[in-house]
Amino acid sequence: MKKILFAVLICLSCSYIYAQSDKKLKKQIDDLTEKKAELEIELNRINTEIAQIENRSFSRETPDQGLRKKLAWFDDVKSLANDVNVQQRLRNSQLGNTYSLITKMYLTLLKDGGYKKEDNDFYNNQVNAIKHQLSLMEPAHKESFMQSFEELSSLIKDYRFTMFELIRVFDLVDEREGNGMEKAKIYSSLKADEETEFIDKIPYTQFLLRNYINSNPIYRKKIRENDAFKTIK
């Protein structure tokens, strides 16, 4: 009888151990199945990203494209003309012709510039072409830059007339000084009478006027003999 009970006990123990092992195995299989599904999702994500990278077309920015972006950043012609780095880049660019003309137009109006009939006539003939080129720029120029070019174009257009005005005002300087007016008061007197309206708009002509007022008769004669005035009369 004891042998029978012992045999039954062994069978029950084996059944329990088998059942526990089966549950554990089933849980492990379920865990692996779930993990496999997660890995498949992650693999699909990685494959999708790889495909996107392989199909992506990378475009490198050309030097001219970078320069165009820089040009669109300027507020006015003055800031363009004074940017040494951009001026250097323009020398090696297809855009150089248009912007070098703009810079030369600007520089000719400055104190160290000067009026030359041939150059001024050339600039006036190029104004419309330059405006057209500026209108085609991408990215577009700031409105303030376009306005400053309009103002520059107007001064270039009036440059010859302003030089003619300068000669006339030189005569007024001689006249007022001859009537006993002090040199220190002549310029303010002319300005108050609106005789310097055009002259004051151009740094070069304003410089010549002030220089003329402060000079002696001998140096005034030399100023009047400037080659620029020979093409005005």
C-alpha atoms as a PDB file:
ATOM      1  CA  MET A   1       0.000   0.000   0.000  1.00  0.00           C
ATOM      2  CA  LYS A   2       2.833   2.339   0.872  1.00  0.00           C
ATOM      3  CA  LYS A   3       4.436   1.586  -2.443  1.00  0.00           C
ATOM      4  CA  ILE A   4       1.259   2.551  -4.249  1.00  0.00           C
ATOM      5  CA  LEU A   5       0.920   5.836  -2.328  1.00  0.00           C
ATOM      6  CA  PHE A   6       4.547   6.617  -3.011  1.00  0.00           C
ATOM      7  CA  ALA A   7       4.063   5.997  -6.713  1.00  0.00           C
ATOM      8  CA  VAL A   8       0.996   8.236  -6.797  1.00  0.00           C
ATOM      9  CA  LEU A   9       2.900  10.975  -4.973  1.00  0.00           C
ATOM     10  CA  ILE A  10       5.729  10.814  -7.476  1.00  0.00           C
ATOM     11  CA  CYS A  11       3.270  11.037 -10.370  1.00  0.00           C
ATOM     12  CA  LEU A  12       1.574  14.066  -8.830  1.00  0.00           C
ATOM     13  CA  SER A  13       4.923  15.738  -8.219  1.00  0.00           C
ATOM     14  CA  CYS A  14       5.961  15.161 -11.804  1.00  0.00           C
ATOM     15  CA  SER A  15       2.673  16.517 -13.088  1.00  0.00           C
ATOM     16  CA  TYR A  16       3.050  19.665 -10.964  1.00  0.00           C
ATOM     17  CA  ILE A  17       6.624  20.214 -12.056  1.00  0.00           C
ATOM     18  CA  TYR A  18       5.638  19.734 -15.696  1.00  0.00           C
ATOM     19  CA  ALA A  19       2.716  22.110 -15.360  1.00  0.00           C
ATOM     20  CA  GLN A  20       4.924  24.789 -13.783  1.00  0.00           C
ATOM     21  CA  SER A  21       7.552  24.342 -16.450  1.00  0.00           C
ATOM     22  CA  ASP A  22       4.936  24.571 -19.168  1.00  0.00           C
ATOM     23  CA  LYS A  23       3.585  27.875 -17.757  1.00  0.00           C
ATOM     24  CA  LYS A  24       7.066  29.277 -17.496  1.00  0.00           C
ATOM     25  CA  LEU A  25       7.914  28.202 -21.025  1.00  0.00           C
ATOM     26  CA  LYS A  26       4.658  29.681 -22.326  1.00  0.00           C
ATOM     27  CA  LYS A  27       5.417  32.995 -20.588  1.00  0.00           C
ATOM     28  CA  GLN A  28       8.905  33.057 -22.060  1.00  0.00           C
ATOM     29  CA  ILE A  29       7.480  32.398 -25.527  1.00  0.00           C
ATOM     30  CA  ASP A  30       4.922  35.198 -25.067  1.00  0.00           C
ATOM     31  CA  ASP A  31       7.660  37.594 -23.902  1.00  0.00           C
ATOM     32  CA  LEU A  32       9.834  36.713 -26.875  1.00  0.00           C
ATOM     33  CA  THR A  33       6.899  37.169 -29.267  1.00  0.00           C
ATOM     34  CA  GLU A  34       6.178  40.612 -27.824  1.00  0.00           C
ATOM     35  CA  LYS A  35       9.867  41.560 -28.014  1.00  0.00           C
ATOM     36  CA  LYS A  36      10.025  40.340 -31.595  1.00  0.00           C
ATOM     37  CA  ALA A  37       7.090  42.587 -32.526  1.00  0.00           C
ATOM     38  CA  GLU A  38       8.806  45.600 -30.890  1.00  0.00           C
ATOM     39  CA  LEU A  39      12.043  44.865 -32.726  1.00  0.00           C
ATOM     40  CA  GLU A  40      10.203  44.563 -36.046  1.00  0.00           C
ATOM     41  CA  ILE A  41       8.610  47.995 -35.470  1.00  0.00           C
ATOM     42  CA  GLU A  42      12.013  49.521 -34.644  1.00  0.00           C
ATOM     43  CA  LEU A  43      13.587  47.833 -37.666  1.00  0.00           C
ATOM     44  CA  ASN A  44      10.907  49.242 -39.959  1.00  0.00           C
ATOM     45  CA  ARG A  45      11.513  52.732 -38.532  1.00  0.00           C
ATOM     46  CA  ILE A  46      15.258  52.454 -39.114  1.00  0.00           C
ATOM     47  CA  ASN A  47      14.749  51.162 -42.655  1.00  0.00           C
ATOM     48  CA  THR A  48      12.397  54.068 -43.386  1.00  0.00           C
ATOM     49  CA  GLU A  49      14.965  56.599 -42.166  1.00  0.00           C
ATOM     50  CA  ILE A  50      17.709  54.935 -44.207  1.00  0.00           C
ATOM     51  CA  ALA A  51      15.534  55.109 -47.325  1.00  0.00           C
ATOM     52  CA  GLN A  52      14.811  58.797 -46.714  1.00  0.00           C
ATOM     53  CA  ILE A  53      18.521  59.569 -46.328  1.00  0.00           C
ATOM     54  CA  GLU A  54      19.409  57.629 -49.482  1.00  0.00           C
ATOM     55  CA  ASN A  55      16.728  59.411 -51.504  1.00  0.00           C
ATOM     56  CA  ARG A  56      17.504  62.873 -50.132  1.00  0.00           C
ATOM     57  CA  SER A  57      19.269  65.223 -52.562  1.00  0.00           C
ATOM     58  CA  PHE A  58      21.802  67.416 -50.831  1.00  0.00           C
ATOM     59  CA  SER A  59      22.442  70.769 -52.558  1.00  0.00           C
ATOM     60  CA  ARG A  60      25.552  72.751 -51.689  1.00  0.00           C
ATOM     61  CA  GLU A  61      25.234  76.537 -51.721  1.00  0.00           C
ATOM     62  CA  THR A  62      27.314  78.085 -54.488  1.00  0.00           C
ATOM     63  CA  PRO A  63      29.487  81.159 -53.768  1.00  0.00           C
ATOM     64  CA  ASP A  64      27.106  83.353 -55.788  1.00  0.00           C
ATOM     65  CA  GLN A  65      24.079  82.097 -53.843  1.00  0.00           C
ATOM     66  CA  GLY A  66      25.798  82.957 -50.580  1.00  0.00           C
ATOM     67  CA  LEU A  67      26.765  86.378 -51.935  1.00  0.00           C
ATOM     68  CA  ARG A  68      23.196  87.078 -53.060  1.00  0.00           C
ATOM     69  CA  LYS A  69      21.971  86.412 -49.515  1.00  0.00           C
ATOM     70  CA  LYS A  70      24.612  88.774 -48.169  1.00  0.00           C
ATOM     71  CA  LEU A  71      23.673  91.512 -50.656  1.00  0.00           C
ATOM     72  CA  ALA A  72      20.020  91.226 -49.661  1.00  0.00           C
ATOM     73  CA  TRP A  73      21.063  91.987 -46.078  1.00  0.00           C
ATOM     74  CA  PHE A  74      22.314  95.543 -46.781  1.00  0.00           C
ATOM     75  CA  ASP A  75      20.147  98.482 -45.739  1.00  0.00           C
ATOM     76  CA  ASP A  76      21.633 100.958 -48.197  1.00  0.00           C
ATOM     77  CA  VAL A  77      24.290 101.590 -50.846  1.00  0.00           C
ATOM     78  CA  LYS A  78      26.656 103.147 -48.298  1.00  0.00           C
ATOM     79  CA  SER A  79      26.873  99.972 -46.208  1.00  0.00           C
ATOM     80  CA  LEU A  80      27.490  97.944 -49.386  1.00  0.00           C
ATOM     81  CA  ALA A  81      30.272 100.245 -50.580  1.00  0.00           C
ATOM     82  CA  ASN A  82      31.978 100.200 -47.165  1.00  0.00           C
ATOM     83  CA  ASP A  83      31.966  96.407 -46.738  1.00  0.00           C
ATOM     84  CA  VAL A  84      35.504  95.425 -47.733  1.00  0.00           C
ATOM     85  CA  ASN A  85      34.808  91.686 -47.561  1.00  0.00           C
ATOM     86  CA  VAL A  86      31.816  91.870 -49.905  1.00  0.00           C
ATOM     87  CA  GLN A  87      33.684  94.145 -52.312  1.00  0.00           C
ATOM     88  CA  GLN A  88      36.430  91.507 -52.505  1.00  0.00           C
ATOM     89  CA  ARG A  89      33.920  88.738 -53.154  1.00  0.00           C
ATOM     90  CA  LEU A  90      32.247  90.811 -55.878  1.00  0.00           C
ATOM     91  CA  ARG A  91      35.521  91.014 -57.820  1.00  0.00           C
ATOM     92  CA  ASN A  92      35.349  87.265 -58.362  1.00  0.00           C
ATOM     93  CA  SER A  93      31.600  87.065 -58.994  1.00  0.00           C
ATOM     94  CA  GLN A  94      29.303  87.339 -61.983  1.00  0.00           C
ATOM     95  CA  LEU A  95      27.430  89.923 -59.929  1.00  0.00           C
ATOM     96  CA  GLY A  96      30.519  92.117 -59.781  1.00  0.00           C
ATOM     97  CA  ASN A  97      29.780  94.298 -62.804  1.00  0.00           C
ATOM     98  CA  THR A  98      26.465  95.641 -61.508  1.00  0.00           C
ATOM     99  CA  TYR A  99      27.573  96.224 -57.931  1.00  0.00           C
ATOM    100  CA  SER A 100      30.983  97.633 -58.831  1.00  0.00           C
ATOM    101  CA  LEU A 101      29.176 100.284 -60.876  1.00  0.00           C
ATOM    102  CA  ILE A 102      26.942 101.117 -57.922  1.00  0.00           C
ATOM    103  CA  THR A 103      29.988 101.402 -55.673  1.00  0.00           C
ATOM    104  CA  LYS A 104      31.852 103.627 -58.162  1.00  0.00           C
ATOM    105  CA  MET A 105      28.796 105.860 -58.475  1.00  0.00           C
ATOM    106  CA  TYR A 106      28.683 106.222 -54.708  1.00  0.00           C
ATOM    107  CA  LEU A 107      32.428 106.867 -54.317  1.00  0.00           C
ATOM    108  CA  THR A 108      32.485 109.572 -56.977  1.00  0.00           C
ATOM    109  CA  LEU A 109      30.195 111.697 -54.773  1.00  0.00           C
ATOM    110  CA  LEU A 110      32.415 111.535 -51.691  1.00  0.00           C
ATOM    111  CA  LYS A 111      34.911 114.118 -50.489  1.00  0.00           C
ATOM    112  CA  ASP A 112      37.770 112.174 -52.095  1.00  0.00           C
ATOM    113  CA  GLY A 113      35.732 111.489 -55.234  1.00  0.00           C
ATOM    114  CA  GLY A 114      35.289 113.995 -58.005  1.00  0.00           C
ATOM    115  CA  TYR A 115      33.231 114.879 -61.048  1.00  0.00           C
ATOM    116  CA  LYS A 116      34.340 113.554 -64.429  1.00  0.00           C
ATOM    117  CA  LYS A 117      32.001 114.188 -67.318  1.00  0.00           C
ATOM    118  CA  GLU A 118      32.810 110.948 -69.158  1.00  0.00           C
ATOM    119  CA  ASP A 119      32.275 108.804 -66.063  1.00  0.00           C
ATOM    120  CA  ASN A 120      29.127 110.653 -65.025  1.00  0.00           C
ATOM    121  CA  ASP A 121      27.610 110.319 -68.507  1.00  0.00           C
ATOM    122  CA  PHE A 122      28.393 106.596 -68.459  1.00  0.00           C
ATOM    123  CA  TYR A 123      26.775 106.093 -65.047  1.00  0.00           C
ATOM    124  CA  ASN A 124      23.658 107.937 -66.159  1.00  0.00           C
ATOM    125  CA  ASN A 125      23.410 105.680 -69.206  1.00  0.00           C
ATOM    126  CA  GLN A 126      23.678 102.583 -66.989  1.00  0.00           C
ATOM    127  CA  VAL A 127      21.127 103.546 -64.315  1.00  0.00           C
ATOM    128  CA  ASN A 128      18.117 101.852 -65.936  1.00  0.00           C
ATOM    129  CA  ALA A 129      20.059  98.652 -66.620  1.00  0.00           C
ATOM    130  CA  ILE A 130      21.263  98.554 -63.010  1.00  0.00           C
ATOM    131  CA  LYS A 131      17.724  99.073 -61.693  1.00  0.00           C
ATOM    132  CA  HIS A 132      16.570  96.152 -63.831  1.00  0.00           C
ATOM    133  CA  GLN A 133      19.324  93.887 -62.505  1.00  0.00           C
ATOM    134  CA  LEU A 134      18.510  94.847 -58.917  1.00  0.00           C
ATOM    135  CA  SER A 135      14.836  94.053 -59.475  1.00  0.00           C
ATOM    136  CA  LEU A 136      15.764  90.507 -60.577  1.00  0.00           C
ATOM    137  CA  MET A 137      17.820  89.708 -57.493  1.00  0.00           C
ATOM    138  CA  GLU A 138      16.814  86.689 -55.385  1.00  0.00           C
ATOM    139  CA  PRO A 139      16.502  87.072 -52.491  1.00  0.00           C
ATOM    140  CA  ALA A 140      15.207  90.585 -53.098  1.00  0.00           C
ATOM    141  CA  HIS A 141      16.932  93.693 -51.794  1.00  0.00           C
ATOM    142  CA  LYS A 142      15.482  95.559 -48.844  1.00  0.00           C
ATOM    143  CA  GLU A 143      13.181  98.435 -49.728  1.00  0.00           C
ATOM    144  CA  SER A 144      15.580 100.816 -47.966  1.00  0.00           C
ATOM    145  CA  PHE A 145      18.415  99.660 -50.226  1.00  0.00           C
ATOM    146  CA  MET A 146      16.356 100.256 -53.362  1.00  0.00           C
ATOM    147  CA  GLN A 147      15.392 103.704 -52.042  1.00  0.00           C
ATOM    148  CA  SER A 148      19.030 104.582 -51.387  1.00  0.00           C
ATOM    149  CA  PHE A 149      19.908 103.583 -54.964  1.00  0.00           C
ATOM    150  CA  GLU A 150      17.135 105.832 -56.256  1.00  0.00           C
ATOM    151  CA  GLU A 151      18.629 108.696 -54.254  1.00  0.00           C
ATOM    152  CA  LEU A 152      22.102 107.883 -55.572  1.00  0.00           C
ATOM    153  CA  SER A 153      20.804 107.819 -59.147  1.00  0.00           C
ATOM    154  CA  SER A 154      19.189 111.219 -58.638  1.00  0.00           C
ATOM    155  CA  LEU A 155      22.443 112.723 -57.353  1.00  0.00           C
ATOM    156  CA  ILE A 156      24.377 111.263 -60.281  1.00  0.00           C
ATOM    157  CA  LYS A 157      21.803 112.711 -62.661  1.00  0.00           C
ATOM    158  CA  ASP A 158      22.097 116.153 -61.022  1.00  0.00           C
ATOM    159  CA  TYR A 159      25.892 116.048 -60.617  1.00  0.00           C
ATOM    160  CA  ARG A 160      26.677 118.219 -63.639  1.00  0.00           C
ATOM    161  CA  PHE A 161      24.053 120.779 -62.667  1.00  0.00           C
ATOM    162  CA  THR A 162      25.426 120.831 -59.093  1.00  0.00           C
ATOM    163  CA  MET A 163      28.929 121.536 -60.382  1.00  0.00           C
ATOM    164  CA  PHE A 164      27.478 124.397 -62.436  1.00  0.00           C
ATOM    165  CA  GLU A 165      25.759 125.649 -59.280  1.00  0.00           C
ATOM    166  CA  LEU A 166      29.082 125.494 -57.488  1.00  0.00           C
ATOM    167  CA  ILE A 167      30.659 127.895 -59.962  1.00  0.00           C
ATOM    168  CA  ARG A 168      27.770 130.312 -59.452  1.00  0.00           C
ATOM    169  CA  VAL A 169      28.089 130.094 -55.663  1.00  0.00           C
ATOM    170  CA  PHE A 170      31.859 130.650 -55.897  1.00  0.00           C
ATOM    171  CA  ASP A 171      31.002 134.028 -57.414  1.00  0.00           C
ATOM    172  CA  LEU A 172      28.643 134.727 -54.502  1.00  0.00           C
ATOM    173  CA  VAL A 173      31.439 133.882 -52.053  1.00  0.00           C
ATOM    174  CA  ASP A 174      33.755 136.407 -53.735  1.00  0.00           C
ATOM    175  CA  GLU A 175      30.968 138.965 -53.791  1.00  0.00           C
ATOM    176  CA  ARG A 176      30.041 138.632 -50.109  1.00  0.00           C
ATOM    177  CA  GLU A 177      33.620 138.646 -48.962  1.00  0.00           C
ATOM    178  CA  GLY A 178      34.219 141.708 -51.139  1.00  0.00           C
ATOM    179  CA  ASN A 179      31.327 143.385 -49.329  1.00  0.00           C
ATOM    180  CA  GLY A 180      33.091 142.824 -46.015  1.00  0.00           C
ATOM    181  CA  MET A 181      31.488 139.575 -44.780  1.00  0.00           C
ATOM    182  CA  GLU A 182      33.769 137.438 -42.607  1.00  0.00           C
ATOM    183  CA  LYS A 183      34.780 134.061 -44.045  1.00  0.00           C
ATOM    184  CA  ALA A 184      33.392 132.290 -40.986  1.00  0.00           C
ATOM    185  CA  LYS A 185      29.915 133.636 -41.751  1.00  0.00           C
ATOM    186  CA  ILE A 186      29.802 133.152 -45.517  1.00  0.00           C
ATOM    187  CA  TYR A 187      28.721 129.485 -45.605  1.00  0.00           C
ATOM    188  CA  SER A 188      25.906 129.931 -43.056  1.00  0.00           C
ATOM    189  CA  SER A 189      24.795 133.013 -44.984  1.00  0.00           C
ATOM    190  CA  LEU A 190      24.658 131.104 -48.256  1.00  0.00           C
ATOM    191  CA  LYS A 191      22.793 128.226 -46.594  1.00  0.00           C
ATOM    192  CA  ALA A 192      20.255 130.576 -45.042  1.00  0.00           C
ATOM    193  CA  ASP A 193      19.595 132.008 -48.510  1.00  0.00           C
ATOM    194  CA  GLU A 194      19.140 128.425 -49.860  1.00  0.00           C
ATOM    195  CA  GLU A 195      22.066 128.868 -52.229  1.00  0.00           C
ATOM    196  CA  THR A 196      23.625 125.533 -51.161  1.00  0.00           C
ATOM    197  CA  GLU A 197      20.548 123.314 -51.551  1.00  0.00           C
ATOM    198  CA  PHE A 198      22.039 121.087 -54.259  1.00  0.00           C
ATOM    199  CA  ILE A 199      25.667 121.518 -53.204  1.00  0.00           C
ATOM    200  CA  ASP A 200      25.023 120.170 -49.689  1.00  0.00           C
ATOM    201  CA  LYS A 201      23.575 116.922 -51.042  1.00  0.00           C
ATOM    202  CA  ILE A 202      26.935 115.847 -52.482  1.00  0.00           C
ATOM    203  CA  PRO A 203      29.902 115.558 -50.067  1.00  0.00           C
ATOM    204  CA  TYR A 204      32.408 116.404 -52.840  1.00  0.00           C
ATOM    205  CA  THR A 205      30.772 119.664 -53.891  1.00  0.00           C
ATOM    206  CA  GLN A 206      30.164 120.688 -50.282  1.00  0.00           C
ATOM    207  CA  PHE A 207      33.851 120.054 -49.566  1.00  0.00           C
ATOM    208  CA  LEU A 208      34.898 122.204 -52.545  1.00  0.00           C
ATOM    209  CA  LEU A 209      32.653 125.047 -51.429  1.00  0.00           C
ATOM    210  CA  ARG A 210      33.945 125.058 -47.853  1.00  0.00           C
ATOM    211  CA  ASN A 211      37.515 124.769 -49.149  1.00  0.00           C
ATOM    212  CA  TYR A 212      36.935 127.669 -51.516  1.00  0.00           C
ATOM    213  CA  ILE A 213      35.511 129.879 -48.769  1.00  0.00           C
ATOM    214  CA  ASN A 214      38.513 129.246 -46.495  1.00  0.00           C
ATOM    215  CA  SER A 215      41.144 129.717 -49.210  1.00  0.00           C
ATOM    216  CA  ASN A 216      43.091 132.758 -50.295  1.00  0.00           C
ATOM    217  CA  PRO A 217      42.619 134.304 -53.776  1.00  0.00           C
ATOM    218  CA  ILE A 218      45.553 132.361 -55.266  1.00  0.00           C
ATOM    219  CA  TYR A 219      44.239 128.961 -54.145  1.00  0.00           C
ATOM    220  CA  ARG A 220      40.687 129.913 -55.144  1.00  0.00           C
ATOM    221  CA  LYS A 221      41.993 130.435 -58.665  1.00  0.00           C
ATOM    222  CA  LYS A 222      43.486 126.910 -58.585  1.00  0.00           C
ATOM    223  CA  ILE A 223      40.163 125.454 -57.439  1.00  0.00           C
ATOM    224  CA  ARG A 224      38.386 127.142 -60.338  1.00  0.00           C
ATOM    225  CA  GLU A 225      40.968 125.659 -62.706  1.00  0.00           C
ATOM    226  CA  ASN A 226      40.013 122.117 -61.644  1.00  0.00           C
ATOM    227  CA  ASP A 227      39.579 119.929 -64.753  1.00  0.00           C
ATOM    228  CA  ALA A 228      36.042 119.115 -63.625  1.00  0.00           C
ATOM    229  CA  PHE A 229      34.923 122.694 -64.206  1.00  0.00           C
ATOM    230  CA  LYS A 230      36.340 122.833 -67.728  1.00  0.00           C
ATOM    231  CA  THR A 231      33.523 120.559 -68.955  1.00  0.00           C
ATOM    232  CA  ILE A 232      30.810 122.552 -67.172  1.00  0.00           C
ATOM    233  CA  LYS A 233      31.051 125.966 -68.806  1.00  0.00           C
END
